[in-house]
Amino acid sequence: MTMNKPTCKIKLEKDYESFKMFYDENIILIYKSVINLFELFKNKRKKVIKLSVDAKIDGLNWGTDFVYRRTDINILTRDLLPYFEHIEDYETCVQIRDLYKELNN
């Protein structure tokens, strides 16, 4: 299934010196956007969601699309939850846990 239009788009105007700098400065924004997108799966009709991220890194335009399906909910507990536990953002941890439980039913 191809999807041309993103469900959510993040366009960052800053020119980052490196990918590491870009990633370090925007990980929370990207991860929270993924959580918000997975909230859309509560609507049973949604099958696929897409997050597009565009930035400038070392003077070059860079972009990528993250495409998720309902069956990808393990990303919530495998990838996102450990990050938010590590930074001790327990409010977001609870949100992730509750969302995972709801989507897993």
N, C-alpha and C. Protein backbone atom coordinates (compact mmCIF):
# COMPACT_ATOMS: atom_id res chain seq x y z
N MET A 1 0.85 -1.17 0.00
CA MET A 1 0.00 0.00 0.00
C MET A 1 0.90 1.23 0.00
N THR A 2 0.76 2.07 -0.99
CA THR A 2 1.53 3.30 -1.03
C THR A 2 0.67 4.44 -0.53
N MET A 3 1.33 5.37 0.02
CA MET A 3 0.64 6.50 0.62
C MET A 3 1.41 7.76 0.25
N ASN A 4 0.81 8.64 -0.50
CA ASN A 4 1.52 9.83 -0.95
C ASN A 4 1.45 10.97 0.05
N LYS A 5 0.33 11.15 0.66
CA LYS A 5 0.13 12.28 1.57
C LYS A 5 0.44 11.87 3.01
N PRO A 6 1.30 12.62 3.69
CA PRO A 6 1.59 12.27 5.08
C PRO A 6 0.41 12.54 5.99
N THR A 7 0.29 11.73 7.03
CA THR A 7 -0.70 11.97 8.06
C THR A 7 -0.25 13.16 8.91
N CYS A 8 1.07 13.27 9.10
CA CYS A 8 1.66 14.37 9.87
C CYS A 8 2.98 14.72 9.23
N LYS A 9 3.29 16.02 9.22
CA LYS A 9 4.54 16.46 8.62
C LYS A 9 5.26 17.39 9.59
N ILE A 10 6.54 17.13 9.79
CA ILE A 10 7.39 18.00 10.60
C ILE A 10 8.43 18.59 9.67
N LYS A 11 8.45 19.92 9.57
CA LYS A 11 9.44 20.61 8.75
C LYS A 11 10.24 21.50 9.67
N LEU A 12 11.52 21.21 9.77
CA LEU A 12 12.41 21.96 10.66
C LEU A 12 13.26 22.90 9.81
N GLU A 13 13.26 24.17 10.16
CA GLU A 13 13.92 25.19 9.35
C GLU A 13 15.42 25.33 9.66
N LYS A 14 15.82 24.95 10.84
CA LYS A 14 17.21 25.12 11.26
C LYS A 14 18.14 24.25 10.41
N ASP A 15 19.34 24.73 10.14
CA ASP A 15 20.37 23.95 9.46
C ASP A 15 21.25 23.31 10.53
N TYR A 16 21.13 22.01 10.69
CA TYR A 16 21.87 21.28 11.72
C TYR A 16 23.25 20.91 11.20
N GLU A 17 24.26 20.98 12.08
CA GLU A 17 25.63 20.67 11.68
C GLU A 17 25.81 19.20 11.32
N SER A 18 25.04 18.34 11.97
CA SER A 18 25.19 16.90 11.74
C SER A 18 23.87 16.20 12.00
N PHE A 19 23.78 14.95 11.55
CA PHE A 19 22.58 14.18 11.82
C PHE A 19 22.43 13.96 13.32
N LYS A 20 23.52 13.74 14.02
CA LYS A 20 23.47 13.54 15.47
C LYS A 20 22.87 14.76 16.16
N MET A 21 23.29 15.96 15.76
CA MET A 21 22.73 17.18 16.34
C MET A 21 21.23 17.28 16.06
N PHE A 22 20.86 17.00 14.81
CA PHE A 22 19.45 17.01 14.44
C PHE A 22 18.66 16.03 15.32
N TYR A 23 19.16 14.81 15.42
CA TYR A 23 18.47 13.76 16.17
C TYR A 23 18.38 14.11 17.65
N ASP A 24 19.47 14.54 18.23
CA ASP A 24 19.49 14.87 19.66
C ASP A 24 18.51 16.00 20.00
N GLU A 25 18.41 16.99 19.12
CA GLU A 25 17.54 18.13 19.39
C GLU A 25 16.06 17.85 19.12
N ASN A 26 15.77 16.83 18.32
CA ASN A 26 14.38 16.61 17.88
C ASN A 26 13.79 15.27 18.24
N ILE A 27 14.50 14.43 18.97
CA ILE A 27 14.00 13.10 19.28
C ILE A 27 12.66 13.14 20.02
N ILE A 28 12.53 14.04 20.99
CA ILE A 28 11.28 14.11 21.74
C ILE A 28 10.13 14.54 20.82
N LEU A 29 10.35 15.53 19.99
CA LEU A 29 9.33 15.98 19.05
C LEU A 29 8.89 14.84 18.13
N ILE A 30 9.86 14.11 17.59
CA ILE A 30 9.54 13.02 16.67
C ILE A 30 8.83 11.89 17.41
N TYR A 31 9.33 11.48 18.56
CA TYR A 31 8.71 10.39 19.30
C TYR A 31 7.29 10.74 19.76
N LYS A 32 7.09 11.97 20.22
CA LYS A 32 5.74 12.35 20.64
C LYS A 32 4.80 12.45 19.44
N SER A 33 5.33 12.82 18.29
CA SER A 33 4.51 12.83 17.07
C SER A 33 4.09 11.41 16.70
N VAL A 34 4.99 10.46 16.88
CA VAL A 34 4.65 9.05 16.59
C VAL A 34 3.55 8.58 17.54
N ILE A 35 3.66 8.94 18.82
CA ILE A 35 2.62 8.57 19.79
C ILE A 35 1.28 9.15 19.36
N ASN A 36 1.28 10.43 19.00
CA ASN A 36 0.04 11.07 18.57
C ASN A 36 -0.54 10.42 17.31
N LEU A 37 0.32 9.99 16.42
CA LEU A 37 -0.16 9.30 15.22
C LEU A 37 -0.79 7.96 15.58
N PHE A 38 -0.18 7.23 16.50
CA PHE A 38 -0.76 5.95 16.90
C PHE A 38 -2.12 6.14 17.57
N GLU A 39 -2.34 7.29 18.15
CA GLU A 39 -3.67 7.60 18.71
C GLU A 39 -4.73 7.55 17.61
N LEU A 40 -4.33 7.85 16.37
CA LEU A 40 -5.28 7.82 15.26
C LEU A 40 -5.78 6.41 14.96
N PHE A 41 -5.03 5.40 15.39
CA PHE A 41 -5.47 4.02 15.17
C PHE A 41 -6.65 3.64 16.05
N LYS A 42 -7.00 4.50 16.99
CA LYS A 42 -8.21 4.26 17.77
C LYS A 42 -9.42 4.28 16.85
N ASN A 43 -9.33 5.05 15.77
CA ASN A 43 -10.34 5.04 14.72
C ASN A 43 -10.09 3.78 13.91
N LYS A 44 -10.97 2.84 13.99
CA LYS A 44 -10.78 1.51 13.40
C LYS A 44 -10.56 1.56 11.88
N ARG A 45 -10.97 2.63 11.23
CA ARG A 45 -10.82 2.71 9.77
C ARG A 45 -9.38 3.00 9.36
N LYS A 46 -8.62 3.63 10.22
CA LYS A 46 -7.22 3.95 9.89
C LYS A 46 -6.41 2.67 9.85
N LYS A 47 -5.75 2.43 8.72
CA LYS A 47 -4.92 1.23 8.57
C LYS A 47 -3.43 1.58 8.54
N VAL A 48 -3.13 2.76 7.97
CA VAL A 48 -1.74 3.19 7.79
C VAL A 48 -1.63 4.66 8.17
N ILE A 49 -0.53 4.99 8.85
CA ILE A 49 -0.25 6.39 9.17
C ILE A 49 1.18 6.69 8.71
N LYS A 50 1.43 7.95 8.40
CA LYS A 50 2.74 8.31 7.89
C LYS A 50 3.18 9.63 8.51
N LEU A 51 4.42 9.63 8.99
CA LEU A 51 5.05 10.84 9.52
C LEU A 51 6.18 11.22 8.58
N SER A 52 6.13 12.42 8.03
CA SER A 52 7.20 12.93 7.18
C SER A 52 8.01 13.94 7.97
N VAL A 53 9.31 13.80 7.91
CA VAL A 53 10.22 14.72 8.61
C VAL A 53 11.17 15.30 7.58
N ASP A 54 11.22 16.63 7.52
CA ASP A 54 12.13 17.34 6.61
C ASP A 54 12.99 18.29 7.42
N ALA A 55 14.29 18.30 7.10
CA ALA A 55 15.23 19.17 7.80
C ALA A 55 16.37 19.50 6.85
N LYS A 56 17.24 20.35 7.31
CA LYS A 56 18.47 20.67 6.59
C LYS A 56 19.61 20.25 7.49
N ILE A 57 20.48 19.40 6.96
CA ILE A 57 21.61 18.91 7.74
C ILE A 57 22.89 19.20 6.96
N ASP A 58 23.76 19.96 7.56
CA ASP A 58 25.02 20.35 6.94
C ASP A 58 24.78 20.97 5.57
N GLY A 59 23.76 21.81 5.47
CA GLY A 59 23.46 22.53 4.24
C GLY A 59 22.68 21.74 3.21
N LEU A 60 22.41 20.47 3.46
CA LEU A 60 21.68 19.64 2.50
C LEU A 60 20.27 19.38 2.98
N ASN A 61 19.33 19.42 2.05
CA ASN A 61 17.95 19.08 2.39
C ASN A 61 17.87 17.58 2.65
N TRP A 62 17.22 17.21 3.74
CA TRP A 62 17.09 15.81 4.13
C TRP A 62 15.64 15.58 4.52
N GLY A 63 15.13 14.42 4.16
CA GLY A 63 13.77 14.08 4.53
C GLY A 63 13.58 12.59 4.56
N THR A 64 12.64 12.17 5.36
CA THR A 64 12.31 10.75 5.43
C THR A 64 10.85 10.60 5.82
N ASP A 65 10.30 9.47 5.48
CA ASP A 65 8.94 9.13 5.85
C ASP A 65 8.96 7.90 6.75
N PHE A 66 8.23 7.98 7.83
CA PHE A 66 8.03 6.83 8.72
C PHE A 66 6.60 6.36 8.50
N VAL A 67 6.44 5.15 8.03
CA VAL A 67 5.12 4.61 7.74
C VAL A 67 4.84 3.49 8.73
N TYR A 68 3.68 3.58 9.38
CA TYR A 68 3.30 2.60 10.40
C TYR A 68 1.94 2.01 10.05
N ARG A 69 1.79 0.75 10.40
CA ARG A 69 0.51 0.06 10.26
C ARG A 69 -0.01 -0.30 11.65
N ARG A 70 -1.26 -0.63 11.73
CA ARG A 70 -1.85 -1.03 13.03
C ARG A 70 -1.04 -2.14 13.68
N THR A 71 -0.50 -3.02 12.89
CA THR A 71 0.25 -4.16 13.42
C THR A 71 1.61 -3.76 13.99
N ASP A 72 2.01 -2.52 13.84
CA ASP A 72 3.31 -2.03 14.33
C ASP A 72 3.25 -1.48 15.75
N ILE A 73 2.20 -1.80 16.50
CA ILE A 73 2.06 -1.19 17.83
C ILE A 73 3.18 -1.58 18.80
N ASN A 74 3.92 -2.64 18.48
CA ASN A 74 5.03 -3.02 19.35
C ASN A 74 6.10 -1.92 19.43
N ILE A 75 6.12 -1.04 18.45
CA ILE A 75 7.05 0.09 18.47
C ILE A 75 6.84 0.93 19.73
N LEU A 76 5.60 1.03 20.16
CA LEU A 76 5.30 1.82 21.35
C LEU A 76 6.06 1.32 22.57
N THR A 77 6.02 0.02 22.79
CA THR A 77 6.66 -0.54 23.99
C THR A 77 8.12 -0.91 23.77
N ARG A 78 8.48 -1.25 22.55
CA ARG A 78 9.85 -1.68 22.26
C ARG A 78 10.80 -0.49 22.12
N ASP A 79 10.35 0.59 21.45
CA ASP A 79 11.24 1.71 21.12
C ASP A 79 10.95 2.98 21.92
N LEU A 80 9.68 3.36 22.01
CA LEU A 80 9.35 4.64 22.62
C LEU A 80 9.33 4.59 24.14
N LEU A 81 8.70 3.58 24.70
CA LEU A 81 8.58 3.49 26.16
C LEU A 81 9.94 3.52 26.86
N PRO A 82 10.93 2.73 26.42
CA PRO A 82 12.24 2.78 27.10
C PRO A 82 12.88 4.18 27.07
N TYR A 83 12.71 4.89 25.98
CA TYR A 83 13.26 6.24 25.90
C TYR A 83 12.64 7.15 26.95
N PHE A 84 11.31 7.14 27.04
CA PHE A 84 10.64 8.02 27.99
C PHE A 84 10.87 7.58 29.43
N GLU A 85 11.07 6.28 29.65
CA GLU A 85 11.47 5.82 30.99
C GLU A 85 12.85 6.36 31.33
N HIS A 86 13.76 6.31 30.37
CA HIS A 86 15.13 6.77 30.58
C HIS A 86 15.18 8.25 30.96
N ILE A 87 14.35 9.07 30.32
CA ILE A 87 14.36 10.50 30.64
C ILE A 87 13.38 10.83 31.77
N GLU A 88 12.78 9.80 32.34
CA GLU A 88 11.87 9.91 33.49
C GLU A 88 10.64 10.76 33.20
N ASP A 89 10.12 10.64 31.99
CA ASP A 89 8.87 11.30 31.61
C ASP A 89 7.75 10.26 31.81
N TYR A 90 7.36 10.09 33.06
CA TYR A 90 6.43 9.02 33.40
C TYR A 90 5.00 9.29 32.93
N GLU A 91 4.66 10.54 32.75
CA GLU A 91 3.35 10.89 32.21
C GLU A 91 3.20 10.32 30.79
N THR A 92 4.24 10.49 30.00
CA THR A 92 4.21 9.94 28.64
C THR A 92 4.27 8.42 28.68
N CYS A 93 4.99 7.86 29.64
CA CYS A 93 5.04 6.39 29.79
C CYS A 93 3.64 5.83 30.02
N VAL A 94 2.87 6.48 30.87
CA VAL A 94 1.50 6.03 31.13
C VAL A 94 0.66 6.15 29.87
N GLN A 95 0.82 7.25 29.15
CA GLN A 95 0.09 7.43 27.89
C GLN A 95 0.41 6.31 26.91
N ILE A 96 1.69 5.97 26.78
CA ILE A 96 2.11 4.90 25.87
C ILE A 96 1.52 3.56 26.31
N ARG A 97 1.63 3.28 27.59
CA ARG A 97 1.11 2.01 28.11
C ARG A 97 -0.38 1.87 27.85
N ASP A 98 -1.13 2.92 28.15
CA ASP A 98 -2.58 2.89 27.96
C ASP A 98 -2.95 2.76 26.47
N LEU A 99 -2.22 3.47 25.64
CA LEU A 99 -2.48 3.40 24.20
C LEU A 99 -2.18 2.00 23.69
N TYR A 100 -1.09 1.43 24.12
CA TYR A 100 -0.73 0.07 23.69
C TYR A 100 -1.81 -0.93 24.10
N LYS A 101 -2.27 -0.83 25.35
CA LYS A 101 -3.32 -1.73 25.82
C LYS A 101 -4.59 -1.59 24.99
N GLU A 102 -4.97 -0.35 24.72
CA GLU A 102 -6.19 -0.11 23.94
C GLU A 102 -6.07 -0.64 22.51
N LEU A 103 -4.94 -0.44 21.89
CA LEU A 103 -4.76 -0.88 20.50
C LEU A 103 -4.52 -2.38 20.40
N ASN A 104 -4.08 -2.98 21.47
CA ASN A 104 -3.79 -4.41 21.47
C ASN A 104 -5.05 -5.26 21.67
N ASN A 105 -6.15 -4.63 22.01
CA ASN A 105 -7.40 -5.38 22.20
C ASN A 105 -8.13 -5.58 20.90
